[in-house]
C-alpha atoms as a PDB file:
ATOM      1  CA  MET A   1      91.385  61.675  77.561  1.00  0.00           C
ATOM      2  CA  LYS A   2      92.423  59.863  74.389  1.00  0.00           C
ATOM      3  CA  THR A   3      90.059  57.204  73.054  1.00  0.00           C
ATOM      4  CA  THR A   4      91.548  54.281  71.168  1.00  0.00           C
ATOM      5  CA  SER A   5      89.810  52.482  68.329  1.00  0.00           C
ATOM      6  CA  ARG A   6      89.596  49.398  70.571  1.00  0.00           C
ATOM      7  CA  GLY A   7      87.931  51.529  73.257  1.00  0.00           C
ATOM      8  CA  ARG A   8      85.414  52.868  70.757  1.00  0.00           C
ATOM      9  CA  LEU A   9      84.708  49.341  69.514  1.00  0.00           C
ATOM     10  CA  VAL A  10      84.060  48.126  73.069  1.00  0.00           C
ATOM     11  CA  ALA A  11      81.764  51.112  73.733  1.00  0.00           C
ATOM     12  CA  VAL A  12      79.793  50.516  70.518  1.00  0.00           C
ATOM     13  CA  ALA A  13      79.464  46.802  71.271  1.00  0.00           C
ATOM     14  CA  ALA A  14      78.277  47.504  74.824  1.00  0.00           C
ATOM     15  CA  GLY A  15      75.725  50.045  73.600  1.00  0.00           C
ATOM     16  CA  THR A  16      74.448  47.642  70.966  1.00  0.00           C
ATOM     17  CA  VAL A  17      74.001  44.830  73.475  1.00  0.00           C
ATOM     18  CA  MET A  18      72.350  47.110  76.033  1.00  0.00           C
ATOM     19  CA  GLY A  19      69.918  48.450  73.411  1.00  0.00           C
ATOM     20  CA  ALA A  20      69.105  45.015  72.031  1.00  0.00           C
ATOM     21  CA  PHE A  21      67.692  43.614  75.273  1.00  0.00           C
ATOM     22  CA  PRO A  22      64.693  45.988  75.627  1.00  0.00           C
ATOM     23  CA  GLY A  23      63.908  45.731  71.905  1.00  0.00           C
ATOM     24  CA  ALA A  24      64.054  41.935  71.969  1.00  0.00           C
ATOM     25  CA  GLU A  25      61.796  41.815  75.030  1.00  0.00           C
ATOM     26  CA  ILE A  26      59.200  44.033  73.332  1.00  0.00           C
ATOM     27  CA  GLY A  27      59.384  41.900  70.183  1.00  0.00           C
ATOM     28  CA  ARG A  28      58.794  38.727  72.185  1.00  0.00           C
ATOM     29  CA  SER A  29      55.740  40.221  73.868  1.00  0.00           C
ATOM     30  CA  LEU A  30      54.013  41.026  70.543  1.00  0.00           C
ATOM     31  CA  ASP A  31      52.192  38.259  68.708  1.00  0.00           C
ATOM     32  CA  ARG A  32      52.036  37.956  64.922  1.00  0.00           C
ATOM     33  CA  ALA A  33      48.835  40.020  64.641  1.00  0.00           C
ATOM     34  CA  ASP A  34      50.362  42.750  66.839  1.00  0.00           C
ATOM     35  CA  ARG A  35      53.413  42.924  64.585  1.00  0.00           C
ATOM     36  CA  ILE A  36      51.209  43.264  61.490  1.00  0.00           C
ATOM     37  CA  VAL A  37      49.235  46.145  63.032  1.00  0.00           C
ATOM     38  CA  LEU A  38      52.494  47.770  64.201  1.00  0.00           C
ATOM     39  CA  SER A  39      54.019  47.384  60.735  1.00  0.00           C
ATOM     40  CA  ASN A  40      51.012  49.136  59.169  1.00  0.00           C
ATOM     41  CA  ALA A  41      51.391  51.990  61.660  1.00  0.00           C
ATOM     42  CA  GLN A  42      55.103  52.267  60.834  1.00  0.00           C
ATOM     43  CA  GLN A  43      54.252  52.580  57.134  1.00  0.00           C
ATOM     44  CA  GLN A  44      51.702  55.303  57.911  1.00  0.00           C
ATOM     45  CA  ALA A  45      54.246  57.143  60.057  1.00  0.00           C
ATOM     46  CA  HIS A  46      56.762  57.107  57.208  1.00  0.00           C
ATOM     47  CA  PHE A  47      54.439  59.300  55.135  1.00  0.00           C
ATOM     48  CA  ALA A  48      52.718  61.262  57.938  1.00  0.00           C
ATOM     49  CA  PRO A  49      53.686  64.845  58.721  1.00  0.00           C
ATOM     50  CA  ILE A  50      56.482  65.263  61.268  1.00  0.00           C
ATOM     51  CA  SER A  51      55.110  65.201  64.855  1.00  0.00           C
ATOM     52  CA  GLU A  52      51.804  63.573  63.848  1.00  0.00           C
ATOM     53  CA  THR A  53      51.015  60.708  66.222  1.00  0.00           C
ATOM     54  CA  ILE A  54      50.036  57.400  64.637  1.00  0.00           C
ATOM     55  CA  GLN A  55      48.244  55.137  67.114  1.00  0.00           C
ATOM     56  CA  TRP A  56      47.921  51.400  66.742  1.00  0.00           C
ATOM     57  CA  SER A  57      46.080  48.738  68.707  1.00  0.00           C
ATOM     58  CA  ASN A  58      45.073  45.118  68.521  1.00  0.00           C
ATOM     59  CA  PRO A  59      41.781  44.665  70.386  1.00  0.00           C
ATOM     60  CA  HIS A  60      42.243  40.881  70.470  1.00  0.00           C
ATOM     61  CA  SER A  61      45.505  41.007  72.455  1.00  0.00           C
ATOM     62  CA  GLY A  62      45.139  44.404  74.112  1.00  0.00           C
ATOM     63  CA  SER A  63      48.527  45.502  72.742  1.00  0.00           C
ATOM     64  CA  HIS A  64      48.723  49.131  71.656  1.00  0.00           C
ATOM     65  CA  GLY A  65      51.134  51.972  71.122  1.00  0.00           C
ATOM     66  CA  GLU A  66      51.922  55.062  69.147  1.00  0.00           C
ATOM     67  CA  ILE A  67      54.553  56.228  66.710  1.00  0.00           C
ATOM     68  CA  ARG A  68      55.507  59.866  66.243  1.00  0.00           C
ATOM     69  CA  PRO A  69      58.069  60.800  63.599  1.00  0.00           C
ATOM     70  CA  THR A  70      60.296  63.549  64.966  1.00  0.00           C
ATOM     71  CA  ARG A  71      62.408  64.374  61.920  1.00  0.00           C
ATOM     72  CA  GLY A  72      63.204  63.208  58.425  1.00  0.00           C
ATOM     73  CA  GLY A  73      65.978  63.751  55.961  1.00  0.00           C
ATOM     74  CA  ARG A  74      68.547  62.325  53.602  1.00  0.00           C
ATOM     75  CA  PRO A  75      71.965  61.274  54.897  1.00  0.00           C
ATOM     76  CA  ASP A  76      74.986  61.199  52.610  1.00  0.00           C
ATOM     77  CA  ALA A  77      73.827  57.865  51.159  1.00  0.00           C
ATOM     78  CA  GLY A  78      70.744  59.621  49.774  1.00  0.00           C
ATOM     79  CA  CYS A  79      68.035  57.320  51.159  1.00  0.00           C
ATOM     80  CA  TYR A  80      65.171  59.093  52.891  1.00  0.00           C
ATOM     81  CA  CYS A  81      65.080  58.320  56.638  1.00  0.00           C
ATOM     82  CA  ARG A  82      62.712  59.097  59.475  1.00  0.00           C
ATOM     83  CA  GLU A  83      63.330  59.153  63.164  1.00  0.00           C
END
């Protein structure tokens, strides 16, 4: 099956839209204080060892979660990334 550039563009656009909805819904459910606590956890996860779980919670809202970096590296652009 041959994929055209238009077909790839449609597939990428569909994937982007489908992935945006859950992320937007989560973002709407977090208040400003939740986002600050989450941001601090993301910064900790950037420097934590791979597979270390960073937990975050906001006792005022009850929101909580965890972040676990699974791998890190440098793509061709040279900037360090974490997943």
